Amino acid sequence: MRPTSTKLIGAALLSISAATSMAHASSITVYSALEQDEINTYLQQLRSDHPDLEVNVLRLSTGDLAARLIAEAERPQVDVVWGMALSNMIDPQILGQLAPYTPEGIDVLAAPYKDDEGRWFAATGYLGALCINEPMIERLGLPMPTSWADLADPVYKGEIVMPNPASSGTGYMQMVAIEQGTPDGWELIEQIDKNVAQYTSSGSRPCQMARTGEYAIGASFAFVAMRSIAEGYPIKMVIPEDFAGYELEASAMLSSSANPEAAQKFLDWTLSDSVADLYGAYKEIVTIPGASRPEGADEAGLPANVEEVLFPMDFAQSANDRPNFMAEWQQRIGR
């Protein structure tokens, strides 16, 4: 058995690594939008479970990953997409590149978490949440927000930071939940925008900025809020009571994969017990039954049954409306 060479690669090295890996039947290139630290943890487990499987991972933000897949459609450079926002995955320009495959263990997933035609499945997901710096809120004399509608109040002007929906899957999920949730969605988005100090390219960055006191409120996702609380930051996690948007993280094999057997082995592994046991350390939504809850979930106030608070996202609409939504975003918000 040859030595393990599972590794994380940068964009500049992609073409070299991909070209090299294609020469080996057990080597694949994977694109992922999962967070860097969780990828590292999962790959450590992969080395133990499949030491003969070489996996080169390129980590990109959701928007950049989608753009790359579309740009490379004529000359694919990747075997597997791992943990990509479902609303991006089912874009027809990307969905058409995927190969039907039924991985081992997929029977445990409920119907909403897998494609009827076997082109994708989602083992994990994330839930939108607000990170509130409690000492700043108190010092500034601001009320504790409980909803997106609350953030339209001018008292929060300059104290909110949010992820940009053009580059962040979290940002797009948050804005789409508002837009889908009420006929006046765009008006509410514009009202909130008047109070937003800046937009970030990362979904986790707003919470990080709130926890260090740069801003009082960071619109982010639940896991980074729970981790911040567990690490001792003065953060209160608030799941918006009006539109608690969420996203599923889908995985799939490309029909152009030069190493389908290795790609299928990898996808099987993503549903295996050994890695499923790790998802709970990073995810507030795990679709595999029996998965553990994230550390600090109870202390942070994550509901025991997260599904009860989820806004009923229409992922097909999110995918189909993306071009129109982003055009509207540029026209109305423009930053």
Protein backbone atom coordinates (compact mmCIF):
# COMPACT_ATOMS: atom_id res chain seq x y z
CA MET A 1 0.00 0.00 0.00
CA ARG A 2 1.47 3.36 -0.98
CA PRO A 3 1.79 6.12 1.64
CA THR A 4 -1.05 8.54 2.25
CA SER A 5 -0.92 11.86 0.42
CA THR A 6 -4.25 13.38 1.38
CA LYS A 7 -3.71 17.12 1.32
CA LEU A 8 -5.18 20.58 0.94
CA ILE A 9 -4.12 22.50 -2.16
CA GLY A 10 -4.30 26.13 -3.21
CA ALA A 11 -5.72 27.43 -6.45
CA ALA A 12 -2.27 28.05 -7.88
CA LEU A 13 -1.36 24.41 -7.47
CA LEU A 14 -4.63 22.99 -8.71
CA SER A 15 -3.72 22.34 -12.33
CA ILE A 16 -0.45 20.64 -11.40
CA SER A 17 -1.99 18.51 -8.65
CA ALA A 18 -5.00 17.59 -10.72
CA ALA A 19 -2.88 16.58 -13.69
CA THR A 20 -0.70 14.45 -11.47
CA SER A 21 -3.62 12.83 -9.67
CA MET A 22 -5.29 11.73 -12.87
CA ALA A 23 -2.43 9.31 -13.36
CA HIS A 24 -3.48 7.35 -10.27
CA ALA A 25 -6.66 5.29 -10.06
CA SER A 26 -7.07 6.07 -6.34
CA SER A 27 -6.49 9.83 -6.62
CA ILE A 28 -9.18 12.48 -6.99
CA THR A 29 -9.56 16.24 -6.93
CA VAL A 30 -12.32 17.65 -4.74
CA TYR A 31 -13.78 21.16 -4.64
CA SER A 32 -15.35 22.17 -1.33
CA ALA A 33 -17.05 25.13 0.32
CA LEU A 34 -16.76 23.62 3.81
CA GLU A 35 -14.80 25.62 6.35
CA GLN A 36 -11.03 25.09 6.35
CA ASP A 37 -10.75 23.75 9.89
CA GLU A 38 -13.47 21.15 9.45
CA ILE A 39 -11.98 19.97 6.15
CA ASN A 40 -8.68 19.38 7.95
CA THR A 41 -10.40 17.36 10.68
CA TYR A 42 -12.36 15.23 8.23
CA LEU A 43 -9.28 14.53 6.11
CA GLN A 44 -7.41 13.29 9.15
CA GLN A 45 -10.13 10.68 9.57
CA LEU A 46 -9.99 9.85 5.88
CA ARG A 47 -6.27 9.05 6.16
CA SER A 48 -7.12 6.51 8.82
CA ASP A 49 -10.11 5.01 7.02
CA HIS A 50 -8.71 4.97 3.46
CA PRO A 51 -4.92 5.41 3.49
CA ASP A 52 -4.75 4.40 -0.18
CA LEU A 53 -7.12 7.16 -1.31
CA GLU A 54 -5.40 10.37 -2.39
CA VAL A 55 -7.71 13.38 -2.14
CA ASN A 56 -6.60 16.84 -3.24
CA VAL A 57 -9.03 19.45 -1.87
CA LEU A 58 -9.44 22.99 -3.14
CA ARG A 59 -11.46 25.09 -0.70
CA LEU A 60 -13.39 28.04 -2.15
CA SER A 61 -16.19 30.29 -0.97
CA THR A 62 -19.62 29.26 -2.24
CA GLY A 63 -19.85 31.95 -4.89
CA ASP A 64 -16.32 31.35 -6.16
CA LEU A 65 -16.87 27.60 -6.24
CA ALA A 66 -20.03 27.92 -8.30
CA ALA A 67 -18.36 30.32 -10.72
CA ARG A 68 -15.40 27.97 -11.11
CA LEU A 69 -17.56 24.95 -11.88
CA ILE A 70 -19.48 26.90 -14.51
CA ALA A 71 -16.29 28.30 -16.04
CA GLU A 72 -14.69 24.84 -16.22
CA ALA A 73 -17.75 23.11 -17.66
CA GLU A 74 -16.07 22.50 -21.02
CA ARG A 75 -12.81 21.30 -19.44
CA PRO A 76 -13.61 19.90 -15.97
CA GLN A 77 -10.75 19.77 -13.48
CA VAL A 78 -12.53 18.06 -10.60
CA ASP A 79 -14.00 14.68 -9.63
CA VAL A 80 -16.19 15.51 -6.63
CA VAL A 81 -17.96 18.53 -5.18
CA TRP A 82 -18.11 18.24 -1.39
CA GLY A 83 -20.30 20.37 0.87
CA MET A 84 -21.60 22.99 -1.57
CA ALA A 85 -24.72 25.07 -0.91
CA LEU A 86 -27.64 23.18 -2.41
CA SER A 87 -29.12 26.33 -3.92
CA ASN A 88 -25.90 26.58 -5.96
CA MET A 89 -25.60 22.86 -6.68
CA ILE A 90 -28.98 22.68 -8.39
CA ASP A 91 -28.20 25.56 -10.73
CA PRO A 92 -28.85 23.94 -14.13
CA GLN A 93 -25.34 24.89 -15.27
CA ILE A 94 -23.90 22.82 -12.42
CA LEU A 95 -26.58 20.15 -12.03
CA GLY A 96 -26.08 19.13 -15.64
CA GLN A 97 -22.46 18.24 -14.89
CA LEU A 98 -23.32 15.74 -12.13
CA ALA A 99 -23.43 11.96 -12.41
CA PRO A 100 -26.19 9.92 -10.75
CA TYR A 101 -24.76 7.78 -7.97
CA THR A 102 -26.29 6.02 -4.96
CA PRO A 103 -23.65 5.96 -2.21
CA GLU A 104 -23.56 3.40 0.57
CA GLY A 105 -25.54 4.61 3.58
CA ILE A 106 -27.79 7.02 1.70
CA ASP A 107 -30.89 5.08 2.74
CA VAL A 108 -30.73 6.69 6.18
CA LEU A 109 -31.25 10.16 4.71
CA ALA A 110 -34.79 11.51 4.55
CA ALA A 111 -36.17 12.46 1.15
CA PRO A 112 -35.52 16.23 1.41
CA TYR A 113 -31.80 15.55 1.80
CA LYS A 114 -31.18 13.67 -1.45
CA ASP A 115 -31.99 14.10 -5.11
CA ASP A 116 -34.74 11.96 -6.63
CA GLU A 117 -32.41 11.23 -9.56
CA GLY A 118 -29.38 10.49 -7.37
CA ARG A 119 -27.28 13.44 -8.50
CA TRP A 120 -26.62 14.91 -5.06
CA PHE A 121 -27.13 14.33 -1.34
CA ALA A 122 -26.64 16.51 1.72
CA ALA A 123 -25.21 15.15 4.97
CA THR A 124 -24.93 18.54 6.67
CA GLY A 125 -26.27 22.08 6.63
CA TYR A 126 -26.14 25.40 8.43
CA LEU A 127 -28.66 27.71 10.05
CA GLY A 128 -28.64 31.49 9.95
CA ALA A 129 -28.17 33.24 13.30
CA LEU A 130 -27.30 36.62 14.75
CA CYS A 131 -24.24 37.08 16.94
CA ILE A 132 -25.03 39.80 19.46
CA ASN A 133 -22.25 41.38 21.51
CA GLU A 134 -24.16 41.74 24.77
CA PRO A 135 -21.83 44.25 26.52
CA MET A 136 -21.96 46.53 23.46
CA ILE A 137 -25.74 46.30 23.23
CA GLU A 138 -26.01 47.26 26.88
CA ARG A 139 -23.45 50.05 26.62
CA LEU A 140 -25.15 51.53 23.57
CA GLY A 141 -28.57 51.20 25.15
CA LEU A 142 -29.92 49.12 22.26
CA PRO A 143 -32.78 46.62 22.55
CA MET A 144 -31.96 42.95 22.03
CA PRO A 145 -33.11 42.08 18.48
CA THR A 146 -35.07 38.88 17.97
CA SER A 147 -35.88 39.04 14.26
CA TRP A 148 -34.81 40.42 10.90
CA ALA A 149 -37.64 42.93 11.18
CA ASP A 150 -36.06 44.29 14.35
CA LEU A 151 -32.82 45.04 12.48
CA ALA A 152 -34.68 47.54 10.29
CA ASP A 153 -34.98 49.85 13.31
CA PRO A 154 -32.74 52.93 12.78
CA VAL A 155 -31.39 52.58 16.33
CA TYR A 156 -29.01 49.90 14.96
CA LYS A 157 -27.52 52.15 12.28
CA GLY A 158 -23.80 51.44 11.84
CA GLU A 159 -23.79 48.52 14.29
CA ILE A 160 -24.62 45.65 11.91
CA VAL A 161 -22.26 43.66 9.68
CA MET A 162 -23.51 41.05 7.22
CA PRO A 163 -22.11 38.66 4.60
CA ASN A 164 -22.47 39.72 0.98
CA PRO A 165 -24.87 37.42 -0.92
CA ALA A 166 -22.77 37.78 -4.07
CA SER A 167 -19.85 35.87 -2.52
CA SER A 168 -21.20 34.18 0.60
CA GLY A 169 -23.61 31.26 0.64
CA THR A 170 -24.63 32.34 4.14
CA GLY A 171 -25.35 35.85 2.90
CA TYR A 172 -27.45 34.59 0.02
CA MET A 173 -29.35 32.22 2.29
CA GLN A 174 -30.15 35.03 4.73
CA MET A 175 -31.40 37.43 2.08
CA VAL A 176 -33.39 34.78 0.20
CA ALA A 177 -35.16 33.72 3.40
CA ILE A 178 -36.30 37.32 3.87
CA GLU A 179 -37.28 37.68 0.22
CA GLN A 180 -39.21 34.38 0.22
CA GLY A 181 -40.74 35.00 3.62
CA THR A 182 -42.77 38.12 2.94
CA PRO A 183 -44.21 39.99 -0.05
CA ASP A 184 -42.36 43.05 1.25
CA GLY A 185 -39.04 41.23 1.44
CA TRP A 186 -37.05 43.66 -0.69
CA GLU A 187 -38.37 46.61 1.26
CA LEU A 188 -37.22 44.96 4.49
CA ILE A 189 -33.80 44.20 2.98
CA GLU A 190 -33.44 47.86 1.99
CA GLN A 191 -34.42 49.03 5.46
CA ILE A 192 -31.87 46.71 7.07
CA ASP A 193 -29.22 47.84 4.58
CA LYS A 194 -29.50 51.42 5.89
CA ASN A 195 -28.18 50.11 9.22
CA VAL A 196 -25.42 47.86 7.81
CA ALA A 197 -21.90 49.20 8.28
CA GLN A 198 -20.33 46.75 5.84
CA TYR A 199 -20.75 43.45 3.99
CA THR A 200 -18.13 40.71 4.18
CA SER A 201 -17.18 37.98 1.72
CA SER A 202 -17.34 35.31 4.44
CA GLY A 203 -20.33 33.99 6.34
CA SER A 204 -18.34 33.52 9.55
CA ARG A 205 -16.60 36.89 9.49
CA PRO A 206 -19.55 38.98 10.79
CA CYS A 207 -19.75 36.91 13.97
CA GLN A 208 -16.00 37.15 14.44
CA MET A 209 -16.23 40.93 14.13
CA ALA A 210 -19.11 41.12 16.59
CA ARG A 211 -17.41 38.96 19.20
CA THR A 212 -14.31 41.21 19.23
CA GLY A 213 -16.40 44.35 19.57
CA GLU A 214 -15.96 45.85 16.11
CA TYR A 215 -19.74 45.84 15.74
CA ALA A 216 -22.62 45.03 18.03
CA ILE A 217 -24.40 42.64 15.68
CA GLY A 218 -23.02 40.14 13.17
CA ALA A 219 -25.38 38.22 10.88
CA SER A 220 -23.76 34.81 10.51
CA PHE A 221 -24.66 31.17 11.14
CA ALA A 222 -25.37 29.21 14.29
CA PHE A 223 -22.22 27.14 14.54
CA VAL A 224 -19.81 30.08 14.62
CA ALA A 225 -22.04 31.71 17.24
CA MET A 226 -21.99 28.58 19.41
CA ARG A 227 -18.23 28.22 19.05
CA SER A 228 -17.73 31.87 20.00
CA ILE A 229 -19.80 31.38 23.14
CA ALA A 230 -17.92 28.17 24.03
CA GLU A 231 -14.63 30.05 23.65
CA GLY A 232 -15.76 32.66 26.17
CA TYR A 233 -16.70 35.58 23.95
CA PRO A 234 -19.56 37.76 25.22
CA ILE A 235 -21.91 36.66 22.46
CA LYS A 236 -25.60 35.84 22.56
CA MET A 237 -26.91 33.71 19.71
CA VAL A 238 -30.26 34.80 18.30
CA ILE A 239 -32.05 32.69 15.70
CA PRO A 240 -34.38 35.13 13.89
CA GLU A 241 -37.91 34.28 14.88
CA ASP A 242 -39.38 35.46 11.58
CA PHE A 243 -37.17 33.95 8.84
CA ALA A 244 -34.65 31.42 10.18
CA GLY A 245 -33.06 30.65 6.83
CA TYR A 246 -30.93 27.56 6.40
CA GLU A 247 -28.87 25.88 3.70
CA LEU A 248 -27.98 22.28 2.96
CA GLU A 249 -24.43 21.33 2.00
CA ALA A 250 -24.60 18.95 -0.94
CA SER A 251 -22.04 16.55 -2.37
CA ALA A 252 -21.87 14.94 -5.80
CA MET A 253 -19.66 13.29 -8.41
CA LEU A 254 -19.06 14.89 -11.78
CA SER A 255 -19.96 12.82 -14.82
CA SER A 256 -16.59 13.77 -16.32
CA SER A 257 -14.59 12.26 -13.44
CA ALA A 258 -11.57 10.33 -14.71
CA ASN A 259 -11.55 8.33 -11.47
CA PRO A 260 -15.16 7.36 -10.80
CA GLU A 261 -14.35 4.41 -8.53
CA ALA A 262 -12.22 6.58 -6.25
CA ALA A 263 -14.83 9.35 -6.38
CA GLN A 264 -17.54 6.90 -5.37
CA LYS A 265 -15.40 5.54 -2.53
CA PHE A 266 -14.97 9.07 -1.23
CA LEU A 267 -18.70 9.83 -1.41
CA ASP A 268 -19.46 6.56 0.39
CA TRP A 269 -17.05 7.62 3.11
CA THR A 270 -18.79 10.98 3.64
CA LEU A 271 -21.84 9.04 4.87
CA SER A 272 -19.91 6.52 6.95
CA ASP A 273 -20.20 6.31 10.73
CA SER A 274 -16.58 7.36 11.27
CA VAL A 275 -16.99 10.78 9.67
CA ALA A 276 -20.65 11.22 10.67
CA ASP A 277 -19.46 11.17 14.28
CA LEU A 278 -17.32 14.22 13.49
CA TYR A 279 -20.00 16.34 11.82
CA GLY A 280 -21.64 17.25 15.10
CA ALA A 281 -18.45 19.00 16.17
CA TYR A 282 -18.91 21.51 13.35
CA LYS A 283 -22.55 21.48 12.25
CA GLU A 284 -25.85 22.56 13.72
CA ILE A 285 -27.68 20.55 11.03
CA VAL A 286 -26.67 16.92 10.43
CA THR A 287 -29.10 14.88 8.36
CA ILE A 288 -27.65 11.50 9.37
CA PRO A 289 -29.81 10.15 12.24
CA GLY A 290 -28.15 9.84 15.63
CA ALA A 291 -25.45 12.47 15.04
CA SER A 292 -24.18 14.29 18.10
CA ARG A 293 -24.99 17.94 18.82
CA PRO A 294 -22.27 20.61 18.60
CA GLU A 295 -20.37 21.49 21.74
CA GLY A 296 -22.11 24.32 23.57
CA ALA A 297 -25.39 23.86 21.68
CA ASP A 298 -27.48 23.69 24.86
CA GLU A 299 -25.72 26.63 26.48
CA ALA A 300 -26.17 28.74 23.35
CA GLY A 301 -29.86 27.91 23.11
CA LEU A 302 -29.91 25.78 19.97
CA PRO A 303 -33.32 24.03 19.90
CA ALA A 304 -33.25 20.31 20.59
CA ASN A 305 -35.12 19.79 17.33
CA VAL A 306 -33.62 22.32 14.94
CA GLU A 307 -36.11 21.41 12.21
CA GLU A 308 -38.86 23.06 14.25
CA VAL A 309 -37.41 26.56 13.75
CA LEU A 310 -36.28 26.30 10.13
CA PHE A 311 -37.91 28.59 7.61
CA PRO A 312 -39.27 26.39 4.76
CA MET A 313 -36.67 27.35 2.17
CA ASP A 314 -37.53 26.75 -1.48
CA PHE A 315 -34.12 25.66 -2.75
CA ALA A 316 -35.28 25.25 -6.34
CA GLN A 317 -36.56 28.82 -6.30
CA SER A 318 -33.31 29.97 -4.69
CA ALA A 319 -31.36 28.40 -7.54
CA ASN A 320 -33.62 29.52 -10.37
CA ASP A 321 -34.00 33.08 -9.10
CA ARG A 322 -30.31 33.67 -8.36
CA PRO A 323 -29.51 35.76 -11.50
CA ASN A 324 -32.60 37.92 -11.02
CA PHE A 325 -32.01 38.19 -7.29
CA MET A 326 -28.41 39.32 -7.74
CA ALA A 327 -29.42 41.83 -10.42
CA GLU A 328 -32.03 43.21 -8.01
CA TRP A 329 -29.44 43.26 -5.23
CA GLN A 330 -27.03 45.30 -7.34
CA GLN A 331 -29.77 47.71 -8.35
CA ARG A 332 -31.20 48.22 -4.87
CA ILE A 333 -28.14 47.76 -2.62
CA GLY A 334 -25.14 48.04 -4.94
CA ARG A 335 -22.39 47.20 -2.49
